[in-house]
Amino acid sequence: MKKIVIFGGGTGLSCILSGLKLFPIDVTAIISVSDNGSSTGQIKKEFDIPAVGDVGTVLLAMANVDKDFKKLLSYRFTKESFLENHPIKNILLTALIDIKGNITDATKYMCKLLDIKGTILPLTEEKVELVGEGKKGKEYLGEEEVSQNIKNIKKLKYDHNVSISREIIEKIEEADLILFSSGSLYTSILPHLIVPEIREAINKSNAPIMYISNLVSQPGETDNYSVSDHLKILNEYLEKRKVDIVVANNAEIDKEIVEKYSLLEHKSLVNIDKKEIEALGTRLIEDKIFAVDKGLIRHNALKTAYLIFSYLMEGE
């Protein structure tokens, strides 16, 4: 069975994983844990633990349990109380970290509970904050501040040196494909590549590197970015290696939805710029990979996963 290691965090990663779990692939998801917003940020600060929100979201995407159980775990308290805005999955993971001693073992227990086929590993067991280095020594602390100041940031780092488990390195070494998920480029994907051990393991690997391109830009982070713009940033942080394959959407999206995204959310479509992609030496796999769910543009999880699986099976 082919082995994939996929890096990411949050909605983008969970969407891709919900499709990949339907194929005969050994999937390992490595999840960034530096988020500091909303419920995750509050719990992270109060309990002095890594961010649990993205881990919980990915667990739900990979879960093989009934809808009611998933609905329970994703339930978010709305009434005014000390539990307001906290989803059950975050509370449960926080309790398990206390019981098991770390977020990795807590996540592994949840995988058993949710009958998950595959491996889910938090990037680190430490509480970490993303830091953006700006001009004249100015620093932007935390994912939220980093996301809002990308144009003023020269490079990303963590607030301290981060320890990575040997298991993560072994998964990278064994991988047949290294995959960067769609999602927030600067706050979900790059947080993996600023860890020297991760970068070194990827650079030593013979596995091809694939990127699932975002469908739309992220305001403040990737305004007006094309597919090649995303690739250039990834290549910069990879250093020695480059992205070998990119999967991107080439189908037209309804103009009314595009206009709504532009006017209300200040988001634009990520366009395929073929000449620039070719100049980077990256193979382009293009197809209709979007879906519209309740007026929201999302990756078609099944179609995207099929394209990844098809690539893996080439030459078999």
C-alpha atoms as a PDB file:
ATOM      1  CA  MET A   1       0.000   0.000   0.000  1.00  0.00           C
ATOM      2  CA  LYS A   2       1.340   3.426  -1.001  1.00  0.00           C
ATOM      3  CA  LYS A   3       2.208   5.806   1.824  1.00  0.00           C
ATOM      4  CA  ILE A   4       1.400   9.519   1.898  1.00  0.00           C
ATOM      5  CA  VAL A   5       2.500  12.137   4.404  1.00  0.00           C
ATOM      6  CA  ILE A   6       0.331  15.241   4.250  1.00  0.00           C
ATOM      7  CA  PHE A   7       1.085  18.526   6.010  1.00  0.00           C
ATOM      8  CA  GLY A   8      -1.484  21.161   6.892  1.00  0.00           C
ATOM      9  CA  GLY A   9      -4.046  22.265   9.425  1.00  0.00           C
ATOM     10  CA  GLY A  10      -7.709  23.118   9.749  1.00  0.00           C
ATOM     11  CA  THR A  11     -10.432  23.084   7.114  1.00  0.00           C
ATOM     12  CA  GLY A  12      -8.179  22.722   4.064  1.00  0.00           C
ATOM     13  CA  LEU A  13      -6.448  19.624   5.403  1.00  0.00           C
ATOM     14  CA  SER A  14      -9.622  18.034   6.780  1.00  0.00           C
ATOM     15  CA  CYS A  15     -11.372  18.393   3.412  1.00  0.00           C
ATOM     16  CA  ILE A  16      -8.575  16.606   1.527  1.00  0.00           C
ATOM     17  CA  LEU A  17      -8.379  13.881   4.176  1.00  0.00           C
ATOM     18  CA  SER A  18     -12.117  13.183   4.027  1.00  0.00           C
ATOM     19  CA  GLY A  19     -11.543  12.163   0.408  1.00  0.00           C
ATOM     20  CA  LEU A  20      -8.222  10.338   0.839  1.00  0.00           C
ATOM     21  CA  LYS A  21      -9.629   8.039   3.532  1.00  0.00           C
ATOM     22  CA  LEU A  22     -11.868   6.460   0.870  1.00  0.00           C
ATOM     23  CA  PHE A  23      -8.870   5.127  -1.089  1.00  0.00           C
ATOM     24  CA  PRO A  24      -6.468   2.251  -0.306  1.00  0.00           C
ATOM     25  CA  ILE A  25      -3.658   4.545   0.849  1.00  0.00           C
ATOM     26  CA  ASP A  26      -1.684   4.626   4.090  1.00  0.00           C
ATOM     27  CA  VAL A  27      -2.153   8.257   5.136  1.00  0.00           C
ATOM     28  CA  THR A  28      -0.237  10.137   7.815  1.00  0.00           C
ATOM     29  CA  ALA A  29      -1.424  13.670   8.568  1.00  0.00           C
ATOM     30  CA  ILE A  30       0.962  16.053  10.325  1.00  0.00           C
ATOM     31  CA  ILE A  31      -0.937  18.947  11.897  1.00  0.00           C
ATOM     32  CA  SER A  32       0.307  22.394  12.870  1.00  0.00           C
ATOM     33  CA  VAL A  33      -0.460  23.306  16.500  1.00  0.00           C
ATOM     34  CA  SER A  34       0.374  27.014  16.744  1.00  0.00           C
ATOM     35  CA  ASP A  35      -3.126  28.475  16.318  1.00  0.00           C
ATOM     36  CA  ASN A  36      -3.989  31.112  18.939  1.00  0.00           C
ATOM     37  CA  GLY A  37      -7.469  32.222  17.946  1.00  0.00           C
ATOM     38  CA  SER A  38     -11.011  31.608  19.193  1.00  0.00           C
ATOM     39  CA  SER A  39     -11.660  28.612  21.487  1.00  0.00           C
ATOM     40  CA  THR A  40      -8.315  27.034  20.626  1.00  0.00           C
ATOM     41  CA  GLY A  41      -6.406  30.135  21.689  1.00  0.00           C
ATOM     42  CA  GLN A  42      -8.289  30.427  24.980  1.00  0.00           C
ATOM     43  CA  ILE A  43      -7.678  26.777  25.897  1.00  0.00           C
ATOM     44  CA  LYS A  44      -4.063  26.948  24.773  1.00  0.00           C
ATOM     45  CA  LYS A  45      -3.410  29.928  27.050  1.00  0.00           C
ATOM     46  CA  GLU A  46      -5.364  28.708  30.067  1.00  0.00           C
ATOM     47  CA  PHE A  47      -4.062  25.119  30.104  1.00  0.00           C
ATOM     48  CA  ASP A  48      -0.588  25.835  28.680  1.00  0.00           C
ATOM     49  CA  ILE A  49      -0.930  23.200  25.944  1.00  0.00           C
ATOM     50  CA  PRO A  50      -0.494  23.061  22.140  1.00  0.00           C
ATOM     51  CA  ALA A  51      -3.408  24.249  19.999  1.00  0.00           C
ATOM     52  CA  VAL A  52      -6.026  21.482  19.828  1.00  0.00           C
ATOM     53  CA  GLY A  53      -8.512  22.966  17.336  1.00  0.00           C
ATOM     54  CA  ASP A  54      -6.988  21.799  14.053  1.00  0.00           C
ATOM     55  CA  VAL A  55      -6.237  18.373  15.511  1.00  0.00           C
ATOM     56  CA  GLY A  56      -9.893  18.002  16.448  1.00  0.00           C
ATOM     57  CA  THR A  57     -11.066  19.130  13.012  1.00  0.00           C
ATOM     58  CA  VAL A  58      -8.845  16.569  11.294  1.00  0.00           C
ATOM     59  CA  LEU A  59      -9.973  13.805  13.666  1.00  0.00           C
ATOM     60  CA  LEU A  60     -13.584  14.483  12.687  1.00  0.00           C
ATOM     61  CA  ALA A  61     -12.732  14.422   8.982  1.00  0.00           C
ATOM     62  CA  MET A  62     -11.025  11.036   9.303  1.00  0.00           C
ATOM     63  CA  ALA A  63     -13.562   9.526  11.719  1.00  0.00           C
ATOM     64  CA  ASN A  64     -15.545   6.418  10.801  1.00  0.00           C
ATOM     65  CA  VAL A  65     -18.402   6.810  13.254  1.00  0.00           C
ATOM     66  CA  ASP A  66     -22.087   7.668  12.975  1.00  0.00           C
ATOM     67  CA  LYS A  67     -23.319  11.186  12.218  1.00  0.00           C
ATOM     68  CA  ASP A  68     -24.672  11.770  15.722  1.00  0.00           C
ATOM     69  CA  PHE A  69     -21.266  11.105  17.298  1.00  0.00           C
ATOM     70  CA  LYS A  70     -19.623  13.510  14.849  1.00  0.00           C
ATOM     71  CA  LYS A  71     -22.340  16.054  15.586  1.00  0.00           C
ATOM     72  CA  LEU A  72     -21.684  15.676  19.311  1.00  0.00           C
ATOM     73  CA  LEU A  73     -17.934  16.234  18.956  1.00  0.00           C
ATOM     74  CA  SER A  74     -18.422  19.291  16.743  1.00  0.00           C
ATOM     75  CA  TYR A  75     -21.104  20.763  19.026  1.00  0.00           C
ATOM     76  CA  ARG A  76     -20.179  24.269  20.126  1.00  0.00           C
ATOM     77  CA  PHE A  77     -21.718  25.831  23.250  1.00  0.00           C
ATOM     78  CA  THR A  78     -23.604  29.009  22.382  1.00  0.00           C
ATOM     79  CA  LYS A  79     -25.263  30.080  25.624  1.00  0.00           C
ATOM     80  CA  GLU A  80     -23.498  32.715  27.700  1.00  0.00           C
ATOM     81  CA  SER A  81     -21.273  30.811  30.107  1.00  0.00           C
ATOM     82  CA  PHE A  82     -17.624  29.937  30.679  1.00  0.00           C
ATOM     83  CA  LEU A  83     -18.086  27.264  27.966  1.00  0.00           C
ATOM     84  CA  GLU A  84     -19.335  29.740  25.358  1.00  0.00           C
ATOM     85  CA  ASN A  85     -17.810  29.139  21.900  1.00  0.00           C
ATOM     86  CA  HIS A  86     -15.971  25.970  22.999  1.00  0.00           C
ATOM     87  CA  PRO A  87     -16.638  22.836  20.888  1.00  0.00           C
ATOM     88  CA  ILE A  88     -16.796  19.447  22.603  1.00  0.00           C
ATOM     89  CA  LYS A  89     -13.821  18.152  20.589  1.00  0.00           C
ATOM     90  CA  ASN A  90     -11.560  20.840  22.056  1.00  0.00           C
ATOM     91  CA  ILE A  91     -12.681  20.114  25.607  1.00  0.00           C
ATOM     92  CA  LEU A  92     -12.278  16.366  25.119  1.00  0.00           C
ATOM     93  CA  LEU A  93      -8.772  16.700  23.676  1.00  0.00           C
ATOM     94  CA  THR A  94      -7.778  19.019  26.529  1.00  0.00           C
ATOM     95  CA  ALA A  95      -8.939  16.438  29.070  1.00  0.00           C
ATOM     96  CA  LEU A  96      -7.112  13.651  27.231  1.00  0.00           C
ATOM     97  CA  ILE A  97      -3.874  15.643  27.182  1.00  0.00           C
ATOM     98  CA  ASP A  98      -4.125  15.872  30.964  1.00  0.00           C
ATOM     99  CA  ILE A  99      -4.859  12.126  31.250  1.00  0.00           C
ATOM    100  CA  LYS A 100      -2.354  10.860  28.678  1.00  0.00           C
ATOM    101  CA  GLY A 101       0.354  13.419  29.366  1.00  0.00           C
ATOM    102  CA  ASN A 102       0.789  14.824  25.851  1.00  0.00           C
ATOM    103  CA  ILE A 103      -1.136  15.743  22.699  1.00  0.00           C
ATOM    104  CA  THR A 104       0.322  12.912  20.592  1.00  0.00           C
ATOM    105  CA  ASP A 105      -0.970  10.146  22.868  1.00  0.00           C
ATOM    106  CA  ALA A 106      -4.258  11.996  23.306  1.00  0.00           C
ATOM    107  CA  THR A 107      -4.654  12.120  19.519  1.00  0.00           C
ATOM    108  CA  LYS A 108      -3.787   8.436  19.125  1.00  0.00           C
ATOM    109  CA  TYR A 109      -6.427   7.502  21.689  1.00  0.00           C
ATOM    110  CA  MET A 110      -8.992   9.575  19.807  1.00  0.00           C
ATOM    111  CA  CYS A 111      -8.027   7.766  16.597  1.00  0.00           C
ATOM    112  CA  LYS A 112      -8.936   4.454  18.240  1.00  0.00           C
ATOM    113  CA  LEU A 113     -12.164   5.867  19.618  1.00  0.00           C
ATOM    114  CA  LEU A 114     -13.174   7.195  16.179  1.00  0.00           C
ATOM    115  CA  ASP A 115     -12.057   4.076  14.262  1.00  0.00           C
ATOM    116  CA  ILE A 116      -9.626   6.099  12.137  1.00  0.00           C
ATOM    117  CA  LYS A 117      -7.621   4.275   9.471  1.00  0.00           C
ATOM    118  CA  GLY A 118      -4.328   6.085   9.158  1.00  0.00           C
ATOM    119  CA  THR A 119      -2.114   8.149  11.428  1.00  0.00           C
ATOM    120  CA  ILE A 120      -2.658  11.647  12.814  1.00  0.00           C
ATOM    121  CA  LEU A 121       0.315  13.339  14.448  1.00  0.00           C
ATOM    122  CA  PRO A 122       0.538  16.844  15.925  1.00  0.00           C
ATOM    123  CA  LEU A 123       3.674  18.605  14.698  1.00  0.00           C
ATOM    124  CA  THR A 124       4.999  18.968  18.253  1.00  0.00           C
ATOM    125  CA  GLU A 125       3.933  18.220  21.809  1.00  0.00           C
ATOM    126  CA  GLU A 126       5.002  21.681  22.938  1.00  0.00           C
ATOM    127  CA  LYS A 127       3.011  24.864  23.270  1.00  0.00           C
ATOM    128  CA  VAL A 128       4.396  27.067  20.493  1.00  0.00           C
ATOM    129  CA  GLU A 129       3.692  30.478  19.020  1.00  0.00           C
ATOM    130  CA  LEU A 130       4.286  31.447  15.409  1.00  0.00           C
ATOM    131  CA  VAL A 131       6.449  34.560  15.053  1.00  0.00           C
ATOM    132  CA  GLY A 132       6.868  36.806  12.042  1.00  0.00           C
ATOM    133  CA  GLU A 133      10.161  38.680  11.718  1.00  0.00           C
ATOM    134  CA  GLY A 134       9.570  42.139  10.313  1.00  0.00           C
ATOM    135  CA  LYS A 135      11.651  45.128   9.381  1.00  0.00           C
ATOM    136  CA  LYS A 136      14.062  46.706  11.887  1.00  0.00           C
ATOM    137  CA  GLY A 137      13.728  43.775  14.274  1.00  0.00           C
ATOM    138  CA  LYS A 138       9.972  44.127  14.785  1.00  0.00           C
ATOM    139  CA  GLU A 139       8.246  40.839  15.600  1.00  0.00           C
ATOM    140  CA  TYR A 140       4.623  39.772  15.175  1.00  0.00           C
ATOM    141  CA  LEU A 141       3.633  37.185  17.780  1.00  0.00           C
ATOM    142  CA  GLY A 142       0.934  34.571  17.202  1.00  0.00           C
ATOM    143  CA  GLU A 143      -0.868  33.252  14.143  1.00  0.00           C
ATOM    144  CA  GLU A 144      -3.547  35.931  14.188  1.00  0.00           C
ATOM    145  CA  GLU A 145      -1.042  38.796  14.183  1.00  0.00           C
ATOM    146  CA  VAL A 146       1.157  37.046  11.606  1.00  0.00           C
ATOM    147  CA  SER A 147      -1.809  36.532   9.293  1.00  0.00           C
ATOM    148  CA  GLN A 148      -2.692  40.219   9.465  1.00  0.00           C
ATOM    149  CA  ASN A 149       0.868  41.436   8.759  1.00  0.00           C
ATOM    150  CA  ILE A 150       2.243  39.150   6.042  1.00  0.00           C
ATOM    151  CA  LYS A 151       3.288  42.093   3.868  1.00  0.00           C
ATOM    152  CA  ASN A 152       5.517  43.368   6.693  1.00  0.00           C
ATOM    153  CA  ILE A 153       7.096  39.982   7.463  1.00  0.00           C
ATOM    154  CA  LYS A 154      10.403  38.767   6.023  1.00  0.00           C
ATOM    155  CA  LYS A 155      10.360  35.262   7.454  1.00  0.00           C
ATOM    156  CA  LEU A 156       8.562  33.005   9.916  1.00  0.00           C
ATOM    157  CA  LYS A 157       9.904  31.250  12.999  1.00  0.00           C
ATOM    158  CA  TYR A 158       8.699  29.898  16.336  1.00  0.00           C
ATOM    159  CA  ASP A 159       9.117  31.560  19.706  1.00  0.00           C
ATOM    160  CA  HIS A 160      11.529  28.774  20.689  1.00  0.00           C
ATOM    161  CA  ASN A 161      13.229  25.731  19.181  1.00  0.00           C
ATOM    162  CA  VAL A 162      10.644  23.030  18.532  1.00  0.00           C
ATOM    163  CA  SER A 163      11.122  19.332  19.296  1.00  0.00           C
ATOM    164  CA  ILE A 164       9.826  16.803  16.742  1.00  0.00           C
ATOM    165  CA  SER A 165       9.141  13.134  17.439  1.00  0.00           C
ATOM    166  CA  ARG A 166      11.184  10.441  15.731  1.00  0.00           C
ATOM    167  CA  GLU A 167       7.904   8.961  14.478  1.00  0.00           C
ATOM    168  CA  ILE A 168       7.246  12.008  12.284  1.00  0.00           C
ATOM    169  CA  ILE A 169      10.705  11.798  10.729  1.00  0.00           C
ATOM    170  CA  GLU A 170      10.230   8.061  10.069  1.00  0.00           C
ATOM    171  CA  LYS A 171       6.890   8.694   8.368  1.00  0.00           C
ATOM    172  CA  ILE A 172       8.558  11.207   6.043  1.00  0.00           C
ATOM    173  CA  GLU A 173      11.390   8.758   5.313  1.00  0.00           C
ATOM    174  CA  GLU A 174       8.905   5.994   4.426  1.00  0.00           C
ATOM    175  CA  ALA A 175       6.589   8.164   2.294  1.00  0.00           C
ATOM    176  CA  ASP A 176       5.887   7.502  -1.397  1.00  0.00           C
ATOM    177  CA  LEU A 177       4.441  11.006  -1.695  1.00  0.00           C
ATOM    178  CA  ILE A 178       4.862  14.172   0.373  1.00  0.00           C
ATOM    179  CA  LEU A 179       1.791  16.338   0.155  1.00  0.00           C
ATOM    180  CA  PHE A 180       1.160  19.947   1.127  1.00  0.00           C
ATOM    181  CA  SER A 181      -2.545  20.477   1.699  1.00  0.00           C
ATOM    182  CA  SER A 182      -4.643  23.401   0.622  1.00  0.00           C
ATOM    183  CA  GLY A 183      -5.294  25.880   3.417  1.00  0.00           C
ATOM    184  CA  SER A 184      -3.687  28.965   4.906  1.00  0.00           C
ATOM    185  CA  LEU A 185      -0.274  29.101   3.259  1.00  0.00           C
ATOM    186  CA  TYR A 186       1.521  31.124   5.927  1.00  0.00           C
ATOM    187  CA  THR A 187      -0.239  29.848   9.047  1.00  0.00           C
ATOM    188  CA  SER A 188      -1.094  26.210   8.258  1.00  0.00           C
ATOM    189  CA  ILE A 189       1.480  24.976   5.720  1.00  0.00           C
ATOM    190  CA  LEU A 190       4.689  26.951   6.266  1.00  0.00           C
ATOM    191  CA  PRO A 191       4.697  26.355  10.059  1.00  0.00           C
ATOM    192  CA  HIS A 192       5.882  22.835   9.213  1.00  0.00           C
ATOM    193  CA  LEU A 193       8.720  23.979   6.976  1.00  0.00           C
ATOM    194  CA  ILE A 194      10.268  26.337   9.522  1.00  0.00           C
ATOM    195  CA  VAL A 195      11.220  23.316  11.634  1.00  0.00           C
ATOM    196  CA  PRO A 196      14.766  22.326  10.546  1.00  0.00           C
ATOM    197  CA  GLU A 197      14.242  18.592  11.196  1.00  0.00           C
ATOM    198  CA  ILE A 198      11.123  18.516   9.012  1.00  0.00           C
ATOM    199  CA  ARG A 199      12.808  20.424   6.218  1.00  0.00           C
ATOM    200  CA  GLU A 200      15.904  18.214   6.393  1.00  0.00           C
ATOM    201  CA  ALA A 201      13.853  14.998   6.291  1.00  0.00           C
ATOM    202  CA  ILE A 202      11.898  16.229   3.255  1.00  0.00           C
ATOM    203  CA  ASN A 203      15.090  17.275   1.496  1.00  0.00           C
ATOM    204  CA  LYS A 204      16.608  13.815   2.061  1.00  0.00           C
ATOM    205  CA  SER A 205      13.489  12.006   0.844  1.00  0.00           C
ATOM    206  CA  ASN A 206      13.221  10.610  -2.686  1.00  0.00           C
ATOM    207  CA  ALA A 207       9.434  10.939  -2.618  1.00  0.00           C
ATOM    208  CA  PRO A 208       7.903  13.513  -4.990  1.00  0.00           C
ATOM    209  CA  ILE A 209       6.411  16.625  -3.423  1.00  0.00           C
ATOM    210  CA  MET A 210       2.856  17.610  -4.356  1.00  0.00           C
ATOM    211  CA  TYR A 211       0.864  20.733  -3.510  1.00  0.00           C
ATOM    212  CA  ILE A 212      -2.933  20.975  -3.620  1.00  0.00           C
ATOM    213  CA  SER A 213      -3.479  24.550  -4.725  1.00  0.00           C
ATOM    214  CA  ASN A 214      -5.929  26.783  -2.935  1.00  0.00           C
ATOM    215  CA  LEU A 215      -9.051  27.695  -4.881  1.00  0.00           C
ATOM    216  CA  VAL A 216      -9.278  31.276  -3.599  1.00  0.00           C
ATOM    217  CA  SER A 217      -6.888  33.744  -2.019  1.00  0.00           C
ATOM    218  CA  GLN A 218      -6.810  34.527   1.697  1.00  0.00           C
ATOM    219  CA  PRO A 219      -7.262  38.226   2.510  1.00  0.00           C
ATOM    220  CA  GLY A 220      -4.131  39.746   3.998  1.00  0.00           C
ATOM    221  CA  GLU A 221      -2.064  36.623   3.317  1.00  0.00           C
ATOM    222  CA  THR A 222      -2.242  35.723  -0.355  1.00  0.00           C
ATOM    223  CA  ASP A 223      -4.109  38.587  -2.052  1.00  0.00           C
ATOM    224  CA  ASN A 224      -4.018  38.138  -5.858  1.00  0.00           C
ATOM    225  CA  TYR A 225      -1.685  35.128  -5.599  1.00  0.00           C
ATOM    226  CA  SER A 226      -1.612  32.818  -8.616  1.00  0.00           C
ATOM    227  CA  VAL A 227      -0.755  29.106  -8.437  1.00  0.00           C
ATOM    228  CA  SER A 228       2.903  29.860  -9.198  1.00  0.00           C
ATOM    229  CA  ASP A 229       3.022  32.499  -6.440  1.00  0.00           C
ATOM    230  CA  HIS A 230       2.065  29.812  -3.915  1.00  0.00           C
ATOM    231  CA  LEU A 231       4.694  27.477  -5.374  1.00  0.00           C
ATOM    232  CA  LYS A 232       7.436  30.103  -5.155  1.00  0.00           C
ATOM    233  CA  ILE A 233       6.785  30.630  -1.438  1.00  0.00           C
ATOM    234  CA  LEU A 234       6.787  26.884  -0.769  1.00  0.00           C
ATOM    235  CA  ASN A 235      10.010  26.453  -2.748  1.00  0.00           C
ATOM    236  CA  GLU A 236      11.639  29.296  -0.831  1.00  0.00           C
ATOM    237  CA  TYR A 237      10.923  27.624   2.510  1.00  0.00           C
ATOM    238  CA  LEU A 238      11.814  24.138   1.232  1.00  0.00           C
ATOM    239  CA  GLU A 239      15.239  25.514   0.265  1.00  0.00           C
ATOM    240  CA  LYS A 240      16.979  22.527  -1.374  1.00  0.00           C
ATOM    241  CA  ARG A 241      13.997  20.743  -2.887  1.00  0.00           C
ATOM    242  CA  LYS A 242      11.111  22.119  -4.928  1.00  0.00           C
ATOM    243  CA  VAL A 243       7.460  21.199  -5.421  1.00  0.00           C
ATOM    244  CA  ASP A 244       7.297  18.551  -8.159  1.00  0.00           C
ATOM    245  CA  ILE A 245       3.545  18.457  -8.833  1.00  0.00           C
ATOM    246  CA  VAL A 246       0.677  20.850  -8.288  1.00  0.00           C
ATOM    247  CA  VAL A 247      -3.017  19.978  -8.484  1.00  0.00           C
ATOM    248  CA  ALA A 248      -5.180  22.965  -9.428  1.00  0.00           C
ATOM    249  CA  ASN A 249      -8.724  23.768 -10.474  1.00  0.00           C
ATOM    250  CA  ASN A 250      -9.267  24.699 -14.132  1.00  0.00           C
ATOM    251  CA  ALA A 251     -13.067  24.765 -14.159  1.00  0.00           C
ATOM    252  CA  GLU A 252     -15.110  27.943 -14.285  1.00  0.00           C
ATOM    253  CA  ILE A 253     -16.910  28.876 -11.075  1.00  0.00           C
ATOM    254  CA  ASP A 254     -20.290  30.602 -11.184  1.00  0.00           C
ATOM    255  CA  LYS A 255     -19.776  34.357 -11.609  1.00  0.00           C
ATOM    256  CA  GLU A 256     -22.314  35.264  -8.901  1.00  0.00           C
ATOM    257  CA  ILE A 257     -20.396  33.239  -6.311  1.00  0.00           C
ATOM    258  CA  VAL A 258     -17.062  34.702  -7.435  1.00  0.00           C
ATOM    259  CA  GLU A 259     -18.471  38.238  -7.191  1.00  0.00           C
ATOM    260  CA  LYS A 260     -19.826  37.529  -3.709  1.00  0.00           C
ATOM    261  CA  TYR A 261     -16.408  36.316  -2.577  1.00  0.00           C
ATOM    262  CA  SER A 262     -14.797  39.409  -4.076  1.00  0.00           C
ATOM    263  CA  LEU A 263     -17.211  41.978  -2.637  1.00  0.00           C
ATOM    264  CA  LEU A 264     -18.004  40.503   0.780  1.00  0.00           C
ATOM    265  CA  GLU A 265     -14.855  38.575   1.652  1.00  0.00           C
ATOM    266  CA  HIS A 266     -12.232  40.280  -0.538  1.00  0.00           C
ATOM    267  CA  LYS A 267     -11.149  36.923  -1.962  1.00  0.00           C
ATOM    268  CA  SER A 268     -10.153  36.247  -5.560  1.00  0.00           C
ATOM    269  CA  LEU A 269      -9.764  33.029  -7.530  1.00  0.00           C
ATOM    270  CA  VAL A 270      -6.294  31.507  -7.630  1.00  0.00           C
ATOM    271  CA  ASN A 271      -5.535  31.453 -11.345  1.00  0.00           C
ATOM    272  CA  ILE A 272      -3.435  28.879 -13.167  1.00  0.00           C
ATOM    273  CA  ASP A 273      -0.490  30.664 -14.777  1.00  0.00           C
ATOM    274  CA  LYS A 274       0.874  27.807 -16.881  1.00  0.00           C
ATOM    275  CA  LYS A 275       4.017  29.462 -18.224  1.00  0.00           C
ATOM    276  CA  GLU A 276       5.213  30.464 -14.760  1.00  0.00           C
ATOM    277  CA  ILE A 277       4.415  26.991 -13.359  1.00  0.00           C
ATOM    278  CA  GLU A 278       6.315  25.372 -16.220  1.00  0.00           C
ATOM    279  CA  ALA A 279       9.265  27.721 -15.641  1.00  0.00           C
ATOM    280  CA  LEU A 280       9.456  26.440 -12.062  1.00  0.00           C
ATOM    281  CA  GLY A 281       9.761  22.881 -13.353  1.00  0.00           C
ATOM    282  CA  THR A 282       6.511  21.838 -11.682  1.00  0.00           C
ATOM    283  CA  ARG A 283       4.142  19.371 -13.300  1.00  0.00           C
ATOM    284  CA  LEU A 284       0.579  20.680 -13.454  1.00  0.00           C
ATOM    285  CA  ILE A 285      -2.395  18.369 -12.920  1.00  0.00           C
ATOM    286  CA  GLU A 286      -5.505  20.412 -13.665  1.00  0.00           C
ATOM    287  CA  ASP A 287      -9.160  19.439 -13.489  1.00  0.00           C
ATOM    288  CA  LYS A 288     -12.482  20.477 -12.045  1.00  0.00           C
ATOM    289  CA  ILE A 289     -11.759  20.024  -8.341  1.00  0.00           C
ATOM    290  CA  PHE A 290     -14.143  22.521  -6.755  1.00  0.00           C
ATOM    291  CA  ALA A 291     -17.577  22.092  -5.212  1.00  0.00           C
ATOM    292  CA  VAL A 292     -20.027  24.675  -3.912  1.00  0.00           C
ATOM    293  CA  ASP A 293     -21.481  23.834  -0.510  1.00  0.00           C
ATOM    294  CA  LYS A 294     -24.076  26.223   0.897  1.00  0.00           C
ATOM    295  CA  GLY A 295     -22.661  29.029  -1.222  1.00  0.00           C
ATOM    296  CA  LEU A 296     -19.063  28.297  -0.173  1.00  0.00           C
ATOM    297  CA  ILE A 297     -16.308  27.289  -2.598  1.00  0.00           C
ATOM    298  CA  ARG A 298     -14.625  24.112  -1.393  1.00  0.00           C
ATOM    299  CA  HIS A 299     -12.400  21.413  -2.835  1.00  0.00           C
ATOM    300  CA  ASN A 300     -14.325  18.428  -4.130  1.00  0.00           C
ATOM    301  CA  ALA A 301     -12.796  16.008  -1.643  1.00  0.00           C
ATOM    302  CA  LEU A 302     -13.466  12.849  -3.644  1.00  0.00           C
ATOM    303  CA  LYS A 303     -12.282  14.243  -6.990  1.00  0.00           C
ATOM    304  CA  THR A 304      -9.139  15.772  -5.481  1.00  0.00           C
ATOM    305  CA  ALA A 305      -8.298  12.550  -3.647  1.00  0.00           C
ATOM    306  CA  TYR A 306      -8.884  10.582  -6.866  1.00  0.00           C
ATOM    307  CA  LEU A 307      -6.328  12.728  -8.716  1.00  0.00           C
ATOM    308  CA  ILE A 308      -3.795  12.177  -5.919  1.00  0.00           C
ATOM    309  CA  PHE A 309      -4.440   8.427  -5.948  1.00  0.00           C
ATOM    310  CA  SER A 310      -4.221   8.300  -9.763  1.00  0.00           C
ATOM    311  CA  TYR A 311      -0.832  10.000  -9.650  1.00  0.00           C
ATOM    312  CA  LEU A 312       0.381   7.486  -7.061  1.00  0.00           C
ATOM    313  CA  MET A 313      -0.738   4.596  -9.252  1.00  0.00           C
ATOM    314  CA  GLU A 314       1.026   5.817 -12.404  1.00  0.00           C
ATOM    315  CA  GLY A 315       3.358   3.150 -13.706  1.00  0.00           C
ATOM    316  CA  GLU A 316       1.923   0.440 -11.432  1.00  0.00           C
END
